[in-house]
């Protein structure tokens, strides 16, 4: 092997190691920066937030929520009942006619007794970053309680802080889901990505007219 080939290979290895170390460091930094903002349900109920932001995730082909989403919804609805906020903001992926997280989320909340007018839907919450950005810029929220699984909350809370949104997190049920090790590894990469997105103040895929969360949630019905 020629000496220049060895040098290039060594350079690529060093770059790969440096990249991995950067991801690990950024992930740990995001977690440490947001740890104090993850609250118990009892603590969150005292925050008097504008809304409870429930982050969407998988919906099955028959329209039923995945176990992870079910746990998020149960937590968000319980917080609503406890008086943590007067409105629920269901943010998820409704990018196609055949895949709809947010209407499933609203339906479950309504079946649990939450008035339809108190449930907003963000149909363009295609990512954690987009959901948090739009909560502030489209739904005009200033203070929110974010509901997701514990491993996911630090990223959402970090993005909120950097975008100027006063946010606290409440973790959904503390259980181990199938494929959790993969999710944890992927989340480390996602934290690094959204660290950069927040630093650059990247705009989400879609914006639009303001829909203040202080109004009527039925204005977001489709």
N, C-alpha and C. Protein backbone atom coordinates (compact mmCIF):
# COMPACT_ATOMS: atom_id res chain seq x y z
N UNK A 1 0.85 -1.20 0.00
CA UNK A 1 0.00 0.00 0.00
C UNK A 1 0.88 1.24 0.00
N UNK A 2 0.61 2.15 -0.92
CA UNK A 2 1.41 3.36 -1.02
C UNK A 2 1.20 4.23 0.21
N UNK A 3 2.24 5.02 0.51
CA UNK A 3 2.20 5.81 1.75
C UNK A 3 1.05 6.81 1.75
N UNK A 4 0.72 7.39 0.56
CA UNK A 4 -0.38 8.37 0.53
C UNK A 4 -1.72 7.70 0.78
N UNK A 5 -1.86 6.46 0.35
CA UNK A 5 -3.10 5.72 0.61
C UNK A 5 -3.25 5.46 2.09
N UNK A 6 -2.16 5.12 2.76
CA UNK A 6 -2.21 4.90 4.21
C UNK A 6 -2.57 6.18 4.94
N UNK A 7 -2.04 7.29 4.47
CA UNK A 7 -2.34 8.56 5.12
C UNK A 7 -3.81 8.93 4.98
N UNK A 8 -4.35 8.71 3.80
CA UNK A 8 -5.77 8.99 3.58
C UNK A 8 -6.64 8.10 4.47
N UNK A 9 -6.28 6.82 4.54
CA UNK A 9 -7.03 5.88 5.38
C UNK A 9 -6.97 6.30 6.85
N UNK A 10 -5.77 6.69 7.31
CA UNK A 10 -5.61 7.13 8.69
C UNK A 10 -6.42 8.39 8.95
N UNK A 11 -6.42 9.30 7.98
CA UNK A 11 -7.20 10.53 8.11
C UNK A 11 -8.69 10.22 8.24
N UNK A 12 -9.19 9.32 7.41
CA UNK A 12 -10.61 8.96 7.43
C UNK A 12 -10.98 8.30 8.75
N UNK A 13 -10.10 7.45 9.26
CA UNK A 13 -10.35 6.80 10.55
C UNK A 13 -10.41 7.84 11.67
N UNK A 14 -9.47 8.77 11.64
CA UNK A 14 -9.46 9.83 12.66
C UNK A 14 -10.70 10.70 12.59
N UNK A 15 -11.14 11.00 11.37
CA UNK A 15 -12.35 11.80 11.20
C UNK A 15 -13.57 11.05 11.72
N UNK A 16 -13.62 9.74 11.46
CA UNK A 16 -14.72 8.93 11.95
C UNK A 16 -14.78 8.88 13.46
N UNK A 17 -13.62 8.71 14.09
CA UNK A 17 -13.54 8.67 15.55
C UNK A 17 -13.94 10.02 16.13
N UNK A 18 -13.44 11.09 15.51
CA UNK A 18 -13.78 12.44 15.99
C UNK A 18 -15.28 12.70 15.87
N UNK A 19 -15.87 12.24 14.77
CA UNK A 19 -17.31 12.42 14.59
C UNK A 19 -18.11 11.67 15.65
N UNK A 20 -17.70 10.44 15.93
CA UNK A 20 -18.39 9.65 16.96
C UNK A 20 -18.27 10.31 18.33
N UNK A 21 -17.09 10.81 18.65
CA UNK A 21 -16.89 11.47 19.94
C UNK A 21 -17.73 12.74 20.04
N UNK A 22 -17.85 13.47 18.92
CA UNK A 22 -18.65 14.68 18.91
C UNK A 22 -20.12 14.37 19.16
N UNK A 23 -20.62 13.31 18.54
CA UNK A 23 -22.01 12.91 18.74
C UNK A 23 -22.26 12.54 20.20
N UNK A 24 -21.35 11.77 20.77
CA UNK A 24 -21.49 11.35 22.17
C UNK A 24 -21.47 12.57 23.10
N UNK A 25 -20.56 13.49 22.84
CA UNK A 25 -20.46 14.69 23.69
C UNK A 25 -21.69 15.56 23.57
N UNK A 26 -22.16 15.80 22.34
CA UNK A 26 -23.34 16.63 22.15
C UNK A 26 -24.57 16.00 22.79
N UNK A 27 -24.70 14.69 22.68
CA UNK A 27 -25.83 14.00 23.30
C UNK A 27 -25.81 14.18 24.81
N UNK A 28 -24.65 14.01 25.42
CA UNK A 28 -24.53 14.18 26.87
C UNK A 28 -24.78 15.63 27.27
N UNK A 29 -24.33 16.56 26.44
CA UNK A 29 -24.53 17.98 26.74
C UNK A 29 -26.02 18.34 26.72
N UNK A 30 -26.73 17.89 25.71
CA UNK A 30 -28.16 18.17 25.61
C UNK A 30 -28.90 17.60 26.81
N UNK A 31 -28.55 16.40 27.22
CA UNK A 31 -29.21 15.78 28.38
C UNK A 31 -28.93 16.55 29.66
N UNK A 32 -27.68 16.97 29.85
CA UNK A 32 -27.33 17.68 31.08
C UNK A 32 -27.98 19.06 31.13
N UNK A 33 -28.12 19.72 29.97
CA UNK A 33 -28.68 21.06 29.91
C UNK A 33 -30.18 21.08 30.22
N UNK A 34 -30.85 19.96 30.02
CA UNK A 34 -32.31 19.94 30.16
C UNK A 34 -32.81 19.11 31.33
N UNK A 35 -31.91 18.48 32.06
CA UNK A 35 -32.32 17.55 33.12
C UNK A 35 -33.26 18.20 34.13
N UNK A 36 -32.99 19.45 34.49
CA UNK A 36 -33.80 20.12 35.52
C UNK A 36 -35.20 20.47 35.05
N UNK A 37 -35.45 20.40 33.75
CA UNK A 37 -36.76 20.76 33.21
C UNK A 37 -37.66 19.55 32.99
N UNK A 38 -37.21 18.38 33.36
CA UNK A 38 -38.07 17.21 33.32
C UNK A 38 -38.70 17.04 34.69
N UNK A 39 -40.01 17.18 34.74
CA UNK A 39 -40.75 17.25 36.00
C UNK A 39 -41.64 16.02 36.19
N UNK A 40 -42.07 15.85 37.42
CA UNK A 40 -43.12 14.87 37.70
C UNK A 40 -44.46 15.46 37.26
N UNK A 41 -45.46 14.61 37.15
CA UNK A 41 -46.78 15.10 36.77
C UNK A 41 -47.30 16.10 37.80
N UNK A 42 -47.02 15.87 39.06
CA UNK A 42 -47.48 16.77 40.12
C UNK A 42 -46.82 18.14 40.00
N UNK A 43 -45.51 18.16 39.70
CA UNK A 43 -44.80 19.42 39.54
C UNK A 43 -45.30 20.16 38.30
N UNK A 44 -45.54 19.43 37.24
CA UNK A 44 -45.98 20.05 35.99
C UNK A 44 -47.36 20.67 36.12
N UNK A 45 -48.19 20.07 36.95
CA UNK A 45 -49.56 20.57 37.12
C UNK A 45 -49.59 21.96 37.73
N UNK A 46 -48.47 22.42 38.30
CA UNK A 46 -48.40 23.73 38.93
C UNK A 46 -47.83 24.80 37.99
N UNK A 47 -47.51 24.43 36.77
CA UNK A 47 -46.80 25.35 35.87
C UNK A 47 -47.70 26.35 35.15
N UNK A 48 -49.00 26.10 35.07
CA UNK A 48 -49.92 27.01 34.40
C UNK A 48 -49.45 27.31 32.97
N UNK A 49 -49.28 26.25 32.20
CA UNK A 49 -48.79 26.36 30.83
C UNK A 49 -49.91 26.76 29.87
N UNK A 50 -49.53 27.24 28.70
CA UNK A 50 -50.50 27.57 27.65
C UNK A 50 -51.11 26.32 27.05
N UNK A 51 -50.30 25.26 26.95
CA UNK A 51 -50.82 24.02 26.38
C UNK A 51 -49.90 22.86 26.76
N UNK A 52 -50.44 21.68 26.60
CA UNK A 52 -49.68 20.45 26.76
C UNK A 52 -49.39 19.94 25.36
N UNK A 53 -48.13 19.92 24.98
CA UNK A 53 -47.71 19.50 23.65
C UNK A 53 -47.40 18.01 23.67
N UNK A 54 -48.26 17.21 23.04
CA UNK A 54 -48.05 15.77 22.97
C UNK A 54 -47.44 15.46 21.62
N UNK A 55 -46.23 14.91 21.63
CA UNK A 55 -45.51 14.62 20.40
C UNK A 55 -45.97 13.28 19.82
N UNK A 56 -46.29 13.28 18.56
CA UNK A 56 -46.81 12.09 17.91
C UNK A 56 -45.75 11.06 17.61
N UNK A 57 -46.20 9.85 17.38
CA UNK A 57 -45.35 8.77 16.87
C UNK A 57 -46.26 7.74 16.22
N UNK A 58 -45.81 6.52 16.09
CA UNK A 58 -46.44 5.55 15.22
C UNK A 58 -47.93 5.30 15.41
N UNK A 59 -48.64 5.26 14.27
CA UNK A 59 -50.04 4.84 14.22
C UNK A 59 -50.12 3.64 13.29
N UNK A 60 -50.84 2.62 13.70
CA UNK A 60 -50.96 1.39 12.91
C UNK A 60 -51.86 1.62 11.70
N UNK A 61 -51.76 0.74 10.69
CA UNK A 61 -52.58 0.90 9.48
C UNK A 61 -54.09 0.96 9.74
N UNK A 62 -54.54 0.33 10.83
CA UNK A 62 -55.97 0.36 11.15
C UNK A 62 -56.38 1.61 11.92
N UNK A 63 -55.43 2.53 12.12
CA UNK A 63 -55.74 3.79 12.78
C UNK A 63 -55.61 3.77 14.29
N UNK A 64 -55.15 2.66 14.85
CA UNK A 64 -54.96 2.60 16.30
C UNK A 64 -53.56 3.07 16.66
N UNK A 65 -53.40 3.70 17.82
CA UNK A 65 -52.08 4.21 18.21
C UNK A 65 -51.14 3.10 18.65
N UNK A 66 -49.86 3.29 18.42
CA UNK A 66 -48.85 2.36 18.93
C UNK A 66 -48.81 2.45 20.45
N UNK A 67 -48.12 1.50 21.07
CA UNK A 67 -48.02 1.51 22.53
C UNK A 67 -47.34 2.79 23.02
N UNK A 68 -46.30 3.22 22.33
CA UNK A 68 -45.61 4.45 22.73
C UNK A 68 -46.55 5.65 22.66
N UNK A 69 -47.31 5.74 21.59
CA UNK A 69 -48.22 6.87 21.45
C UNK A 69 -49.35 6.79 22.47
N UNK A 70 -49.83 5.60 22.74
CA UNK A 70 -50.87 5.42 23.77
C UNK A 70 -50.39 5.94 25.11
N UNK A 71 -49.15 5.62 25.46
CA UNK A 71 -48.61 6.08 26.74
C UNK A 71 -48.47 7.60 26.77
N UNK A 72 -48.07 8.19 25.66
CA UNK A 72 -47.97 9.65 25.60
C UNK A 72 -49.35 10.29 25.76
N UNK A 73 -50.34 9.73 25.09
CA UNK A 73 -51.68 10.29 25.16
C UNK A 73 -52.25 10.18 26.57
N UNK A 74 -52.07 9.04 27.20
CA UNK A 74 -52.58 8.88 28.57
C UNK A 74 -51.95 9.88 29.52
N UNK A 75 -50.65 10.13 29.34
CA UNK A 75 -49.96 11.11 30.19
C UNK A 75 -50.46 12.52 29.92
N UNK A 76 -50.59 12.87 28.64
CA UNK A 76 -51.06 14.21 28.29
C UNK A 76 -52.47 14.47 28.77
N UNK A 77 -53.34 13.49 28.62
CA UNK A 77 -54.73 13.64 29.07
C UNK A 77 -54.79 13.76 30.59
N UNK A 78 -53.98 12.98 31.29
CA UNK A 78 -53.95 13.07 32.76
C UNK A 78 -53.48 14.45 33.20
N UNK A 79 -52.51 15.03 32.51
CA UNK A 79 -52.04 16.37 32.84
C UNK A 79 -53.14 17.40 32.59
N UNK A 80 -53.86 17.24 31.50
CA UNK A 80 -54.98 18.14 31.20
C UNK A 80 -56.01 18.09 32.33
N UNK A 81 -56.34 16.88 32.75
CA UNK A 81 -57.33 16.73 33.82
C UNK A 81 -56.83 17.31 35.15
N UNK A 82 -55.52 17.28 35.34
CA UNK A 82 -54.94 17.81 36.57
C UNK A 82 -54.83 19.33 36.56
N UNK A 83 -55.16 19.95 35.42
CA UNK A 83 -55.15 21.41 35.34
C UNK A 83 -53.81 21.99 34.94
N UNK A 84 -52.90 21.17 34.36
CA UNK A 84 -51.60 21.69 33.95
C UNK A 84 -51.72 22.72 32.83
N UNK A 85 -52.73 22.58 31.99
CA UNK A 85 -53.01 23.54 30.92
C UNK A 85 -54.45 23.33 30.47
N UNK A 86 -55.01 24.35 29.85
CA UNK A 86 -56.40 24.27 29.40
C UNK A 86 -56.53 23.70 28.00
N UNK A 87 -55.40 23.54 27.29
CA UNK A 87 -55.46 23.05 25.92
C UNK A 87 -54.42 21.94 25.70
N UNK A 88 -54.78 21.02 24.82
CA UNK A 88 -53.87 19.98 24.35
C UNK A 88 -53.48 20.31 22.92
N UNK A 89 -52.20 20.20 22.60
CA UNK A 89 -51.73 20.38 21.24
C UNK A 89 -51.13 19.06 20.76
N UNK A 90 -51.85 18.38 19.88
CA UNK A 90 -51.42 17.11 19.34
C UNK A 90 -50.61 17.37 18.07
N UNK A 91 -49.34 17.09 18.11
CA UNK A 91 -48.46 17.41 17.00
C UNK A 91 -47.86 16.13 16.41
N UNK A 92 -48.11 15.92 15.13
CA UNK A 92 -47.59 14.69 14.53
C UNK A 92 -47.61 14.76 13.01
N UNK A 93 -47.39 13.63 12.41
CA UNK A 93 -47.26 13.51 10.96
C UNK A 93 -48.63 13.23 10.34
N UNK A 94 -49.08 14.16 9.51
CA UNK A 94 -50.26 13.94 8.68
C UNK A 94 -49.91 14.41 7.28
N UNK A 95 -48.78 13.88 6.79
CA UNK A 95 -48.24 14.33 5.52
C UNK A 95 -48.95 13.74 4.31
N UNK A 96 -49.67 12.64 4.51
CA UNK A 96 -50.41 12.01 3.42
C UNK A 96 -51.81 11.65 3.91
N UNK A 97 -52.70 11.42 2.98
CA UNK A 97 -54.07 11.05 3.33
C UNK A 97 -54.13 9.71 4.05
N UNK A 98 -53.18 8.83 3.73
CA UNK A 98 -53.20 7.47 4.27
C UNK A 98 -52.52 7.34 5.63
N UNK A 99 -51.79 8.37 6.06
CA UNK A 99 -51.10 8.27 7.35
C UNK A 99 -51.42 9.52 8.16
N UNK A 100 -52.04 9.32 9.31
CA UNK A 100 -52.58 10.45 10.07
C UNK A 100 -52.43 10.17 11.57
N UNK A 101 -51.41 10.78 12.16
CA UNK A 101 -51.21 10.63 13.60
C UNK A 101 -52.16 11.52 14.40
N UNK A 102 -52.37 12.75 13.93
CA UNK A 102 -53.02 13.74 14.79
C UNK A 102 -54.52 13.51 14.97
N UNK A 103 -55.21 13.06 13.92
CA UNK A 103 -56.63 12.78 14.10
C UNK A 103 -56.84 11.58 15.01
N UNK A 104 -55.93 10.62 14.95
CA UNK A 104 -55.98 9.50 15.89
C UNK A 104 -55.80 10.02 17.31
N UNK A 105 -54.85 10.91 17.50
CA UNK A 105 -54.58 11.47 18.83
C UNK A 105 -55.78 12.25 19.36
N UNK A 106 -56.39 13.05 18.49
CA UNK A 106 -57.55 13.84 18.93
C UNK A 106 -58.73 12.92 19.24
N UNK A 107 -58.91 11.89 18.42
CA UNK A 107 -60.03 10.97 18.66
C UNK A 107 -59.90 10.29 20.02
N UNK A 108 -58.69 9.85 20.35
CA UNK A 108 -58.47 9.18 21.65
C UNK A 108 -58.76 10.15 22.79
N UNK A 109 -58.30 11.39 22.66
CA UNK A 109 -58.54 12.39 23.72
C UNK A 109 -60.03 12.68 23.88
N UNK A 110 -60.75 12.79 22.77
CA UNK A 110 -62.19 13.03 22.84
C UNK A 110 -62.91 11.85 23.49
N UNK A 111 -62.49 10.64 23.14
CA UNK A 111 -63.10 9.45 23.74
C UNK A 111 -62.83 9.37 25.24
N UNK A 112 -61.76 10.07 25.67
CA UNK A 112 -61.42 10.10 27.09
C UNK A 112 -62.13 11.25 27.82
N UNK A 113 -62.95 11.99 27.11
CA UNK A 113 -63.75 13.03 27.74
C UNK A 113 -63.23 14.44 27.59
N UNK A 114 -62.16 14.65 26.82
CA UNK A 114 -61.65 16.01 26.61
C UNK A 114 -62.51 16.70 25.56
N UNK A 115 -63.01 17.91 25.82
CA UNK A 115 -63.82 18.62 24.82
C UNK A 115 -63.03 18.87 23.54
N UNK A 116 -63.69 18.71 22.42
CA UNK A 116 -63.03 18.87 21.12
C UNK A 116 -62.39 20.25 20.98
N UNK A 117 -63.04 21.27 21.51
CA UNK A 117 -62.54 22.64 21.38
C UNK A 117 -61.22 22.84 22.12
N UNK A 118 -60.91 21.97 23.05
CA UNK A 118 -59.67 22.09 23.82
C UNK A 118 -58.52 21.30 23.20
N UNK A 119 -58.76 20.70 22.05
CA UNK A 119 -57.74 19.85 21.42
C UNK A 119 -57.34 20.45 20.07
N UNK A 120 -56.13 20.94 19.99
CA UNK A 120 -55.57 21.44 18.73
C UNK A 120 -54.77 20.34 18.05
N UNK A 121 -54.77 20.37 16.73
CA UNK A 121 -53.96 19.43 15.95
C UNK A 121 -52.95 20.19 15.10
N UNK A 122 -51.69 19.79 15.21
CA UNK A 122 -50.66 20.30 14.31
C UNK A 122 -50.38 19.21 13.29
N UNK A 123 -50.95 19.36 12.10
CA UNK A 123 -50.85 18.34 11.06
C UNK A 123 -49.45 18.28 10.44
N UNK A 124 -48.62 19.26 10.70
CA UNK A 124 -47.28 19.33 10.08
C UNK A 124 -46.16 19.16 11.09
N UNK A 125 -46.44 18.38 12.15
CA UNK A 125 -45.38 18.08 13.11
C UNK A 125 -44.56 16.89 12.64
N UNK A 126 -43.82 17.10 11.55
CA UNK A 126 -43.12 15.99 10.89
C UNK A 126 -41.89 15.51 11.66
N UNK A 127 -41.42 16.33 12.57
CA UNK A 127 -40.25 15.97 13.37
C UNK A 127 -40.36 16.66 14.72
N UNK A 128 -39.54 16.24 15.65
CA UNK A 128 -39.51 16.89 16.96
C UNK A 128 -39.22 18.38 16.81
N UNK A 129 -38.24 18.70 16.00
CA UNK A 129 -37.86 20.09 15.80
C UNK A 129 -39.03 20.89 15.23
N UNK A 130 -39.68 20.35 14.20
CA UNK A 130 -40.80 21.05 13.58
C UNK A 130 -41.94 21.26 14.57
N UNK A 131 -42.22 20.24 15.38
CA UNK A 131 -43.32 20.34 16.35
C UNK A 131 -43.08 21.45 17.35
N UNK A 132 -41.87 21.54 17.87
CA UNK A 132 -41.54 22.56 18.87
C UNK A 132 -41.54 23.94 18.22
N UNK A 133 -40.93 24.06 17.06
CA UNK A 133 -40.88 25.34 16.36
C UNK A 133 -42.30 25.86 16.08
N UNK A 134 -43.15 24.99 15.59
CA UNK A 134 -44.51 25.39 15.22
C UNK A 134 -45.37 25.69 16.46
N UNK A 135 -45.09 25.01 17.56
CA UNK A 135 -45.83 25.31 18.79
C UNK A 135 -45.67 26.78 19.16
N UNK A 136 -44.49 27.30 18.94
CA UNK A 136 -44.23 28.72 19.27
C UNK A 136 -44.69 29.65 18.16
N UNK A 137 -44.32 29.37 16.93
CA UNK A 137 -44.53 30.31 15.84
C UNK A 137 -45.93 30.24 15.23
N UNK A 138 -46.52 29.07 15.16
CA UNK A 138 -47.85 28.93 14.57
C UNK A 138 -48.94 28.97 15.64
N UNK A 139 -48.72 28.25 16.73
CA UNK A 139 -49.75 28.16 17.76
C UNK A 139 -49.57 29.18 18.88
N UNK A 140 -48.55 30.03 18.73
CA UNK A 140 -48.35 31.20 19.60
C UNK A 140 -48.25 30.84 21.08
N UNK A 141 -47.74 29.66 21.38
CA UNK A 141 -47.54 29.26 22.77
C UNK A 141 -46.27 29.91 23.31
N UNK A 142 -46.31 30.30 24.56
CA UNK A 142 -45.13 30.86 25.22
C UNK A 142 -44.59 29.93 26.29
N UNK A 143 -45.48 29.13 26.87
CA UNK A 143 -45.08 28.19 27.91
C UNK A 143 -45.80 26.87 27.67
N UNK A 144 -45.04 25.78 27.56
CA UNK A 144 -45.65 24.49 27.23
C UNK A 144 -45.11 23.39 28.14
N UNK A 145 -45.89 22.35 28.25
CA UNK A 145 -45.44 21.11 28.86
C UNK A 145 -45.37 20.08 27.75
N UNK A 146 -44.21 19.53 27.52
CA UNK A 146 -44.01 18.56 26.44
C UNK A 146 -44.11 17.15 27.00
N UNK A 147 -44.87 16.31 26.33
CA UNK A 147 -45.03 14.92 26.75
C UNK A 147 -44.43 13.99 25.70
N UNK A 148 -43.52 13.14 26.15
CA UNK A 148 -42.93 12.10 25.31
C UNK A 148 -42.26 11.09 26.24
N UNK A 149 -41.57 10.12 25.66
CA UNK A 149 -40.81 9.20 26.51
C UNK A 149 -39.56 9.91 27.05
N UNK A 150 -39.07 9.40 28.17
CA UNK A 150 -37.98 10.07 28.87
C UNK A 150 -36.74 10.23 28.00
N UNK A 151 -36.41 9.23 27.19
CA UNK A 151 -35.19 9.31 26.37
C UNK A 151 -35.31 10.40 25.30
N UNK A 152 -36.54 10.76 24.96
CA UNK A 152 -36.79 11.70 23.88
C UNK A 152 -36.92 13.15 24.34
N UNK A 153 -37.29 13.33 25.61
CA UNK A 153 -37.56 14.68 26.12
C UNK A 153 -36.38 15.64 26.05
N UNK A 154 -35.14 15.22 26.37
CA UNK A 154 -34.05 16.20 26.35
C UNK A 154 -33.91 16.95 25.03
N UNK A 155 -34.07 16.25 23.92
CA UNK A 155 -33.93 16.91 22.63
C UNK A 155 -35.04 17.94 22.42
N UNK A 156 -36.27 17.57 22.72
CA UNK A 156 -37.37 18.51 22.55
C UNK A 156 -37.21 19.73 23.45
N UNK A 157 -36.77 19.51 24.67
CA UNK A 157 -36.60 20.61 25.62
C UNK A 157 -35.43 21.51 25.22
N UNK A 158 -34.38 20.92 24.69
CA UNK A 158 -33.23 21.72 24.26
C UNK A 158 -33.63 22.63 23.09
N UNK A 159 -34.33 22.05 22.11
CA UNK A 159 -34.79 22.85 20.98
C UNK A 159 -35.69 23.99 21.46
N UNK A 160 -36.61 23.68 22.37
CA UNK A 160 -37.51 24.71 22.90
C UNK A 160 -36.73 25.85 23.54
N UNK A 161 -35.76 25.51 24.36
CA UNK A 161 -34.95 26.54 25.03
C UNK A 161 -34.26 27.44 24.02
N UNK A 162 -33.67 26.86 23.00
CA UNK A 162 -32.92 27.64 22.02
C UNK A 162 -33.81 28.47 21.12
N UNK A 163 -35.08 28.06 20.99
CA UNK A 163 -36.02 28.82 20.17
C UNK A 163 -36.81 29.84 20.99
N UNK A 164 -36.52 29.92 22.29
CA UNK A 164 -37.16 30.91 23.13
C UNK A 164 -38.51 30.50 23.67
N UNK A 165 -38.76 29.21 23.75
CA UNK A 165 -40.03 28.69 24.28
C UNK A 165 -39.80 28.17 25.69
N UNK A 166 -40.58 28.64 26.63
CA UNK A 166 -40.48 28.20 28.02
C UNK A 166 -41.14 26.82 28.10
N UNK A 167 -40.35 25.77 28.28
CA UNK A 167 -40.88 24.41 28.18
C UNK A 167 -40.40 23.53 29.33
N UNK A 168 -41.29 22.66 29.75
CA UNK A 168 -40.98 21.62 30.74
C UNK A 168 -41.45 20.29 30.17
N UNK A 169 -40.85 19.22 30.62
CA UNK A 169 -41.20 17.91 30.09
C UNK A 169 -41.74 16.98 31.15
N UNK A 170 -42.66 16.14 30.74
CA UNK A 170 -43.16 15.06 31.59
C UNK A 170 -43.04 13.77 30.80
N UNK A 171 -42.39 12.79 31.40
CA UNK A 171 -42.16 11.53 30.71
C UNK A 171 -43.39 10.64 30.77
N UNK A 172 -43.70 10.00 29.66
CA UNK A 172 -44.76 9.00 29.62
C UNK A 172 -44.29 7.76 30.37
N UNK A 173 -45.11 6.74 30.41
CA UNK A 173 -44.84 5.53 31.19
C UNK A 173 -43.41 5.04 31.02
N UNK A 174 -42.76 4.73 32.12
CA UNK A 174 -41.36 4.30 32.12
C UNK A 174 -41.29 2.80 31.88
N UNK A 175 -41.42 2.43 30.60
CA UNK A 175 -41.35 1.02 30.23
C UNK A 175 -40.34 0.86 29.11
N UNK A 176 -39.90 -0.37 28.89
CA UNK A 176 -38.96 -0.66 27.81
C UNK A 176 -39.75 -1.19 26.61
N UNK A 177 -39.69 -0.45 25.50
CA UNK A 177 -40.42 -0.84 24.30
C UNK A 177 -39.55 -1.71 23.41
N UNK A 178 -40.19 -2.44 22.54
CA UNK A 178 -39.46 -3.27 21.60
C UNK A 178 -38.56 -2.38 20.73
N UNK A 179 -37.30 -2.76 20.57
CA UNK A 179 -36.36 -1.98 19.77
C UNK A 179 -35.82 -0.75 20.48
N UNK A 180 -35.90 -0.74 21.81
CA UNK A 180 -35.50 0.46 22.54
C UNK A 180 -34.02 0.77 22.41
N UNK A 181 -33.18 -0.27 22.35
CA UNK A 181 -31.74 -0.03 22.20
C UNK A 181 -31.44 0.71 20.91
N UNK A 182 -32.14 0.33 19.85
CA UNK A 182 -31.97 1.01 18.57
C UNK A 182 -32.43 2.47 18.68
N UNK A 183 -33.56 2.69 19.34
CA UNK A 183 -34.07 4.06 19.51
C UNK A 183 -33.09 4.93 20.28
N UNK A 184 -32.51 4.37 21.32
CA UNK A 184 -31.54 5.12 22.13
C UNK A 184 -30.35 5.54 21.28
N UNK A 185 -29.86 4.62 20.47
CA UNK A 185 -28.70 4.93 19.62
C UNK A 185 -29.06 5.98 18.57
N UNK A 186 -30.23 5.83 17.97
CA UNK A 186 -30.66 6.80 16.97
C UNK A 186 -30.89 8.17 17.58
N UNK A 187 -31.36 8.18 18.83
CA UNK A 187 -31.63 9.45 19.51
C UNK A 187 -30.34 10.24 19.75
N UNK A 188 -29.24 9.55 19.97
CA UNK A 188 -27.96 10.25 20.13
C UNK A 188 -27.63 11.04 18.87
N UNK A 189 -27.83 10.43 17.72
CA UNK A 189 -27.59 11.12 16.45
C UNK A 189 -28.58 12.27 16.27
N UNK A 190 -29.83 12.03 16.66
CA UNK A 190 -30.85 13.06 16.51
C UNK A 190 -30.56 14.27 17.39
N UNK A 191 -30.03 14.03 18.59
CA UNK A 191 -29.68 15.16 19.46
C UNK A 191 -28.61 16.03 18.81
N UNK A 192 -27.63 15.39 18.20
CA UNK A 192 -26.57 16.15 17.53
C UNK A 192 -27.14 16.93 16.35
N UNK A 193 -28.04 16.30 15.60
CA UNK A 193 -28.65 16.98 14.45
C UNK A 193 -29.46 18.20 14.90
N UNK A 194 -30.29 18.02 15.93
CA UNK A 194 -31.14 19.14 16.35
C UNK A 194 -30.37 20.19 17.14
N UNK A 195 -29.23 19.82 17.70
CA UNK A 195 -28.33 20.82 18.27
C UNK A 195 -27.93 21.81 17.17
N UNK A 196 -27.61 21.28 16.00
CA UNK A 196 -27.23 22.14 14.87
C UNK A 196 -28.43 22.90 14.33
N UNK A 197 -29.58 22.22 14.21
CA UNK A 197 -30.78 22.89 13.73
C UNK A 197 -31.15 24.08 14.60
N UNK A 198 -31.07 23.88 15.92
CA UNK A 198 -31.43 24.94 16.86
C UNK A 198 -30.43 26.10 16.78
N UNK A 199 -29.16 25.77 16.61
CA UNK A 199 -28.13 26.81 16.50
C UNK A 199 -28.35 27.66 15.25
N UNK A 200 -28.81 27.03 14.17
CA UNK A 200 -29.02 27.73 12.90
C UNK A 200 -30.43 28.31 12.80
N UNK A 201 -31.31 27.98 13.78
CA UNK A 201 -32.71 28.42 13.75
C UNK A 201 -33.37 27.99 12.42
N UNK A 202 -33.13 26.77 12.04
CA UNK A 202 -33.70 26.25 10.80
C UNK A 202 -35.23 26.32 10.82
N UNK A 203 -35.82 26.73 9.72
CA UNK A 203 -37.27 26.75 9.63
C UNK A 203 -37.80 25.35 9.34
N UNK A 204 -39.01 25.03 9.83
CA UNK A 204 -39.57 23.71 9.57
C UNK A 204 -40.02 23.56 8.12
N UNK A 205 -40.44 22.36 7.76
CA UNK A 205 -40.88 22.11 6.38
C UNK A 205 -42.05 23.00 5.99
N UNK A 206 -42.97 23.20 6.91
CA UNK A 206 -44.14 24.03 6.64
C UNK A 206 -44.35 25.02 7.77
N UNK A 207 -44.78 26.23 7.41
CA UNK A 207 -45.21 27.20 8.41
C UNK A 207 -46.69 27.51 8.15
N UNK A 208 -47.04 28.74 7.93
CA UNK A 208 -48.44 29.05 7.67
C UNK A 208 -48.96 30.15 8.57
N UNK A 209 -50.28 30.34 8.53
CA UNK A 209 -50.91 31.38 9.33
C UNK A 209 -50.96 30.98 10.81
N UNK A 210 -50.98 31.97 11.66
CA UNK A 210 -51.05 31.72 13.10
C UNK A 210 -52.40 31.14 13.49
N UNK A 211 -52.35 30.18 14.43
CA UNK A 211 -53.56 29.56 15.00
C UNK A 211 -53.36 29.57 16.51
N UNK A 212 -53.63 30.68 17.19
CA UNK A 212 -53.33 30.78 18.63
C UNK A 212 -53.98 29.66 19.44
N UNK A 213 -53.18 29.04 20.28
CA UNK A 213 -53.69 27.93 21.08
C UNK A 213 -54.67 28.42 22.14
N UNK A 214 -54.78 29.71 22.27
CA UNK A 214 -55.77 30.28 23.20
C UNK A 214 -57.19 30.25 22.63
N UNK A 215 -57.32 29.89 21.34
CA UNK A 215 -58.62 29.89 20.71
C UNK A 215 -59.34 28.56 20.79
N UNK A 216 -59.98 28.20 19.70
CA UNK A 216 -60.81 26.99 19.62
C UNK A 216 -60.08 25.92 18.82
N UNK A 217 -59.85 24.77 19.43
CA UNK A 217 -59.12 23.71 18.77
C UNK A 217 -59.80 23.16 17.53
N UNK A 218 -61.10 23.35 17.41
CA UNK A 218 -61.81 22.84 16.23
C UNK A 218 -61.42 23.58 14.97
N UNK A 219 -60.73 24.71 15.11
CA UNK A 219 -60.23 25.44 13.94
C UNK A 219 -59.16 24.66 13.21
N UNK A 220 -58.59 23.62 13.86
CA UNK A 220 -57.56 22.80 13.22
C UNK A 220 -58.12 21.50 12.65
N UNK A 221 -59.45 21.31 12.76
CA UNK A 221 -60.05 20.11 12.19
C UNK A 221 -59.93 20.12 10.68
N UNK A 222 -59.87 18.94 10.09
CA UNK A 222 -59.82 18.87 8.62
C UNK A 222 -60.99 18.06 8.09
